Amino acid sequence: MRVVKNINNNISLCLDSHNNEVVAFGKGIGFMKPPYDVPLSKIDRTFYDVSEEQIGLLNRIPEEVLETAAAIVDLANETSGHQFRENVVFTLADHIDFCIQRQKEHIHFKLPLFYEVRQLYPEESKIGQKALQIIRQRLGVELPREEGAAIALHFVNYQAQEVQGDTVDYGAIIDETTRTVEEELHVSIDKDGFNYYRFVTHMHYMMKRTQNDQMIVSQNQDIFESLCQEFPDIYRCACKIGADMEKTLHQKLTDEEMLYLMLHINRLCAREDCDQ
């Protein structure tokens, strides 16, 4: 395996024997100045078809979080009937990192879908709860059990395409939401990018919660009010999106859902060409 670029001490961008680009994980493989050859025995795992956005993610997320996500995906592949694509590690690591950041900022959400997820997706729910144990053991972070349900839904999302039986056109709502974000916040969003995928995933979950009258409940009213004052443009954008969704879903977003929506809009815009 030929190393062509080092991402950090333990992750490198390589070319395999067929000249295919691959991201390789291995202890200490990124210490030397490329190009150079590294024996396969030193490589723990490889990832093909890695996008530029995902490589950027590797630069941002701590190595221990990436390794933890990889261990959880290994567990999922060993214990479930599904074989999840290796690159699910990147989105899962991003999700875990976001959870940890929220924990540090004392932003906590209760997921009303906890029991429903456990009932509908028992295998994935077991993976989610074991994932919390792995996170605690490896990262020393105690996440609430609701985050286990969120991780379970993360794996559900990566399985076969959902059966199209919804009467509501989620795609149309997301397209309209995207246009609203671009127009209100003067941002050009890369629809093929990793950041947008994460935003779309959040929107899907939020709309399903709204339709099922199971919106997020939290104790973050002070944080919500503070965020509204600190980011008035994002608040106005979220209000417009919420009003449009109410017309379609016939449900008004709670302050907690608005808070979560604002966090995701802010996160999306922070990594795009935003002109706020």
Protein backbone atom coordinates (compact mmCIF):
# COMPACT_ATOMS: atom_id res chain seq x y z
CA MET A 1 0.00 0.00 0.00
CA ARG A 2 1.52 3.33 -1.05
CA VAL A 3 0.91 6.35 1.19
CA VAL A 4 0.40 9.55 -0.81
CA LYS A 5 -0.88 11.86 1.94
CA ASN A 6 -1.04 11.71 5.73
CA ILE A 7 -4.22 12.84 7.45
CA ASN A 8 -2.81 12.31 10.93
CA ASN A 9 -0.37 9.95 12.65
CA ASN A 10 -2.68 6.96 12.30
CA ILE A 11 -4.69 7.72 9.15
CA SER A 12 -3.33 8.09 5.61
CA LEU A 13 -4.60 8.47 2.07
CA CYS A 14 -3.13 5.62 0.02
CA LEU A 15 -3.14 3.88 -3.34
CA ASP A 16 -3.69 0.13 -3.42
CA SER A 17 -2.07 -2.35 -5.83
CA HIS A 18 -4.67 -1.44 -8.49
CA ASN A 19 -4.03 2.29 -8.05
CA ASN A 20 -7.37 2.82 -6.32
CA GLU A 21 -7.53 5.59 -3.75
CA VAL A 22 -8.16 4.31 -0.23
CA VAL A 23 -8.11 5.76 3.28
CA ALA A 24 -6.14 3.48 5.61
CA PHE A 25 -6.20 3.28 9.40
CA GLY A 26 -3.18 1.87 11.20
CA LYS A 27 -1.17 2.75 14.28
CA GLY A 28 1.73 5.02 13.34
CA ILE A 29 1.35 4.68 9.56
CA GLY A 30 1.27 8.47 9.14
CA PHE A 31 4.55 9.35 10.83
CA MET A 32 6.75 9.46 7.73
CA LYS A 33 6.78 12.01 4.92
CA PRO A 34 4.98 10.58 1.81
CA PRO A 35 5.21 9.05 -0.65
CA TYR A 36 6.28 5.72 0.83
CA ASP A 37 5.11 2.13 1.01
CA VAL A 38 3.52 0.69 4.14
CA PRO A 39 3.12 -3.08 4.66
CA LEU A 40 -0.44 -4.40 4.76
CA SER A 41 0.29 -5.94 8.17
CA LYS A 42 0.36 -2.42 9.64
CA ILE A 43 -3.07 -1.48 8.27
CA ASP A 44 -6.06 -2.19 10.51
CA ARG A 45 -8.90 -1.14 8.18
CA THR A 46 -9.43 0.52 4.82
CA PHE A 47 -12.16 2.72 3.33
CA TYR A 48 -12.84 3.06 -0.38
CA ASP A 49 -14.91 5.71 -2.19
CA VAL A 50 -14.22 8.32 0.49
CA SER A 51 -15.45 11.77 -0.52
CA GLU A 52 -13.60 15.05 0.06
CA GLU A 53 -16.19 15.95 2.70
CA GLN A 54 -15.47 12.73 4.57
CA ILE A 55 -11.72 13.33 4.38
CA GLY A 56 -12.35 16.79 5.82
CA LEU A 57 -14.28 15.09 8.61
CA LEU A 58 -11.28 12.90 9.38
CA ASN A 59 -9.23 16.05 9.90
CA ARG A 60 -11.77 17.53 12.30
CA ILE A 61 -12.99 14.64 14.45
CA PRO A 62 -10.64 13.31 17.18
CA GLU A 63 -9.00 9.99 16.36
CA GLU A 64 -10.41 8.33 19.47
CA VAL A 65 -13.95 9.19 18.34
CA LEU A 66 -13.29 7.72 14.88
CA GLU A 67 -11.86 4.57 16.44
CA THR A 68 -14.87 4.31 18.75
CA ALA A 69 -17.27 4.64 15.81
CA ALA A 70 -15.32 1.95 13.95
CA ALA A 71 -15.62 -0.39 16.96
CA ILE A 72 -19.39 0.18 17.07
CA VAL A 73 -19.75 -0.58 13.35
CA ASP A 74 -17.69 -3.75 13.87
CA LEU A 75 -20.10 -4.74 16.64
CA ALA A 76 -23.11 -4.02 14.41
CA ASN A 77 -21.70 -6.19 11.63
CA GLU A 78 -20.91 -9.02 14.02
CA THR A 79 -24.25 -9.10 15.84
CA SER A 80 -26.85 -8.12 13.24
CA GLY A 81 -28.11 -9.72 10.07
CA HIS A 82 -27.01 -6.66 8.11
CA GLN A 83 -23.57 -5.79 6.83
CA PHE A 84 -23.20 -2.04 7.06
CA ARG A 85 -20.93 -0.31 4.60
CA GLU A 86 -17.60 0.59 6.17
CA ASN A 87 -18.08 4.30 5.40
CA VAL A 88 -20.94 4.45 7.91
CA VAL A 89 -18.06 4.99 10.36
CA PHE A 90 -17.71 8.59 9.18
CA THR A 91 -21.34 9.63 9.69
CA LEU A 92 -21.55 7.73 12.98
CA ALA A 93 -18.34 9.39 14.24
CA ASP A 94 -19.76 12.78 13.30
CA HIS A 95 -22.98 11.97 15.18
CA ILE A 96 -21.08 10.84 18.30
CA ASP A 97 -18.85 13.92 18.20
CA PHE A 98 -21.95 16.13 17.96
CA CYS A 99 -23.52 14.31 20.95
CA ILE A 100 -20.38 14.85 23.02
CA GLN A 101 -20.27 18.54 22.13
CA ARG A 102 -23.92 18.93 23.17
CA GLN A 103 -23.12 17.13 26.42
CA LYS A 104 -20.27 19.55 27.15
CA GLU A 105 -22.58 22.49 26.48
CA HIS A 106 -25.26 20.97 28.75
CA ILE A 107 -27.78 20.70 25.93
CA HIS A 108 -29.89 17.63 26.58
CA PHE A 109 -32.79 16.21 24.60
CA LYS A 110 -35.31 13.55 25.52
CA LEU A 111 -36.20 11.35 22.57
CA PRO A 112 -39.88 10.41 22.83
CA LEU A 113 -39.27 7.65 20.28
CA PHE A 114 -37.07 5.69 22.71
CA TYR A 115 -39.64 2.96 23.45
CA GLU A 116 -40.96 2.91 19.90
CA VAL A 117 -37.45 2.45 18.51
CA ARG A 118 -36.84 -0.39 20.96
CA GLN A 119 -40.07 -2.06 19.85
CA LEU A 120 -39.73 -1.53 16.10
CA TYR A 121 -35.99 -2.12 15.79
CA PRO A 122 -34.94 -4.49 18.61
CA GLU A 123 -31.64 -5.54 16.99
CA GLU A 124 -30.56 -1.99 16.24
CA SER A 125 -31.66 -0.89 19.72
CA LYS A 126 -29.38 -3.49 21.30
CA ILE A 127 -26.54 -2.18 19.16
CA GLY A 128 -27.35 1.37 20.25
CA GLN A 129 -27.25 0.48 23.94
CA LYS A 130 -24.01 -1.48 23.54
CA ALA A 131 -22.65 1.51 21.63
CA LEU A 132 -23.19 3.65 24.73
CA GLN A 133 -21.09 1.17 26.72
CA ILE A 134 -18.31 1.34 24.13
CA ILE A 135 -18.42 5.16 24.19
CA ARG A 136 -18.23 5.14 27.99
CA GLN A 137 -15.33 2.68 28.03
CA ARG A 138 -13.31 4.29 25.26
CA LEU A 139 -14.12 7.98 25.63
CA GLY A 140 -15.11 8.26 29.27
CA VAL A 141 -18.38 9.97 28.32
CA GLU A 142 -21.70 8.90 29.81
CA LEU A 143 -24.40 9.59 27.24
CA PRO A 144 -28.10 9.22 28.14
CA ARG A 145 -29.96 6.13 26.98
CA GLU A 146 -31.90 8.22 24.43
CA GLU A 147 -28.66 8.60 22.48
CA GLY A 148 -28.61 4.82 22.15
CA ALA A 149 -31.95 5.08 20.33
CA ALA A 150 -30.51 7.81 18.10
CA ILE A 151 -27.56 5.57 17.23
CA ALA A 152 -30.00 2.72 16.53
CA LEU A 153 -31.87 4.98 14.10
CA HIS A 154 -28.55 5.83 12.51
CA PHE A 155 -28.12 2.17 11.55
CA VAL A 156 -31.75 1.85 10.50
CA ASN A 157 -31.13 4.77 8.13
CA TYR A 158 -28.22 2.91 6.52
CA GLN A 159 -30.16 -0.23 5.74
CA ALA A 160 -32.12 -0.83 2.57
CA GLN A 161 -34.12 2.11 1.25
CA GLU A 162 -37.27 2.72 3.24
CA VAL A 163 -40.53 1.50 1.77
CA GLN A 164 -42.24 4.48 0.21
CA GLY A 165 -45.61 4.49 1.93
CA ASP A 166 -45.80 7.98 3.39
CA THR A 167 -48.57 10.23 2.19
CA VAL A 168 -46.43 13.30 2.90
CA ASP A 169 -43.79 14.18 0.32
CA TYR A 170 -40.76 14.55 2.58
CA GLY A 171 -38.53 15.25 -0.40
CA ALA A 172 -40.58 18.26 -1.44
CA ILE A 173 -40.52 19.66 2.11
CA ILE A 174 -36.75 19.22 2.31
CA ASP A 175 -36.27 20.89 -1.09
CA GLU A 176 -38.36 23.85 0.08
CA THR A 177 -36.46 23.97 3.38
CA THR A 178 -33.16 24.00 1.51
CA ARG A 179 -34.29 26.90 -0.67
CA THR A 180 -35.38 28.79 2.44
CA VAL A 181 -31.98 28.32 4.09
CA GLU A 182 -30.16 29.47 0.95
CA GLU A 183 -32.38 32.52 0.45
CA GLU A 184 -32.64 33.61 4.08
CA LEU A 185 -29.01 33.06 5.03
CA HIS A 186 -27.33 33.77 1.66
CA VAL A 187 -25.59 30.41 1.54
CA SER A 188 -24.90 28.11 -1.40
CA ILE A 189 -25.44 24.53 -0.24
CA ASP A 190 -23.66 21.59 -1.86
CA LYS A 191 -26.53 19.12 -2.31
CA ASP A 192 -24.07 16.26 -2.85
CA GLY A 193 -22.03 17.09 0.23
CA PHE A 194 -21.70 15.22 3.48
CA ASN A 195 -22.97 18.17 5.56
CA TYR A 196 -26.18 18.30 3.55
CA TYR A 197 -26.73 14.56 3.97
CA ARG A 198 -26.56 14.99 7.75
CA PHE A 199 -29.03 17.91 7.61
CA VAL A 200 -31.46 15.90 5.44
CA THR A 201 -31.27 12.98 7.88
CA HIS A 202 -32.19 15.29 10.75
CA MET A 203 -35.12 16.71 8.75
CA HIS A 204 -36.47 13.21 8.05
CA TYR A 205 -36.42 12.28 11.73
CA MET A 206 -37.95 15.60 12.76
CA MET A 207 -40.83 15.26 10.28
CA LYS A 208 -41.56 11.71 11.40
CA ARG A 209 -41.62 12.83 15.05
CA THR A 210 -43.91 15.70 14.10
CA GLN A 211 -46.31 13.45 12.17
CA ASN A 212 -46.45 10.99 15.05
CA ASP A 213 -46.94 13.78 17.60
CA GLN A 214 -43.74 12.67 19.35
CA MET A 215 -41.69 15.83 19.18
CA ILE A 216 -38.58 16.32 21.32
CA VAL A 217 -39.12 17.36 24.94
CA SER A 218 -36.27 19.00 26.83
CA GLN A 219 -35.44 21.42 29.60
CA ASN A 220 -33.55 23.84 27.36
CA GLN A 221 -35.87 26.86 27.24
CA ASP A 222 -33.10 29.19 28.46
CA ILE A 223 -30.72 27.86 25.81
CA PHE A 224 -33.41 28.28 23.14
CA GLU A 225 -34.02 31.92 24.11
CA SER A 226 -30.28 32.62 24.27
CA LEU A 227 -29.72 31.08 20.83
CA CYS A 228 -32.56 33.16 19.38
CA GLN A 229 -30.90 36.33 20.61
CA GLU A 230 -27.40 35.28 19.55
CA PHE A 231 -28.42 34.15 16.04
CA PRO A 232 -31.49 36.19 15.02
CA ASP A 233 -31.04 35.41 11.30
CA ILE A 234 -31.02 31.66 11.96
CA TYR A 235 -34.02 32.03 14.26
CA ARG A 236 -36.00 33.87 11.56
CA CYS A 237 -35.02 31.21 9.03
CA ALA A 238 -36.11 28.41 11.39
CA CYS A 239 -39.42 30.21 12.05
CA LYS A 240 -40.12 30.41 8.31
CA ILE A 241 -39.32 26.71 7.89
CA GLY A 242 -41.48 25.86 10.90
CA ALA A 243 -44.41 27.86 9.53
CA ASP A 244 -44.14 26.14 6.13
CA MET A 245 -43.96 22.70 7.77
CA GLU A 246 -47.00 23.47 9.91
CA LYS A 247 -49.05 24.08 6.77
CA THR A 248 -48.09 20.66 5.41
CA LEU A 249 -47.87 18.51 8.56
CA HIS A 250 -50.59 20.36 10.51
CA GLN A 251 -48.39 20.43 13.59
CA LYS A 252 -46.58 23.39 15.13
CA LEU A 253 -42.93 22.72 16.02
CA THR A 254 -42.21 22.89 19.72
CA ASP A 255 -39.51 25.23 21.03
CA GLU A 256 -37.33 22.17 21.59
CA GLU A 257 -37.67 21.08 17.96
CA MET A 258 -36.97 24.67 16.90
CA LEU A 259 -33.83 24.67 19.02
CA TYR A 260 -32.60 21.45 17.44
CA LEU A 261 -33.47 22.76 13.96
CA MET A 262 -31.52 25.97 14.63
CA LEU A 263 -28.50 23.98 15.78
CA HIS A 264 -28.53 21.96 12.57
CA ILE A 265 -29.05 25.02 10.35
CA ASN A 266 -26.18 26.78 12.09
CA ARG A 267 -24.00 23.71 11.72
CA LEU A 268 -24.83 23.42 8.01
CA CYS A 269 -24.16 27.11 7.32
CA ALA A 270 -20.93 27.16 9.31
CA ARG A 271 -19.43 24.77 6.75
CA GLU A 272 -20.79 26.35 3.60
CA ASP A 273 -20.12 29.66 1.89
CA CYS A 274 -22.36 31.57 4.29
CA ASP A 275 -22.62 35.35 4.11
CA GLN A 276 -24.38 36.20 7.35
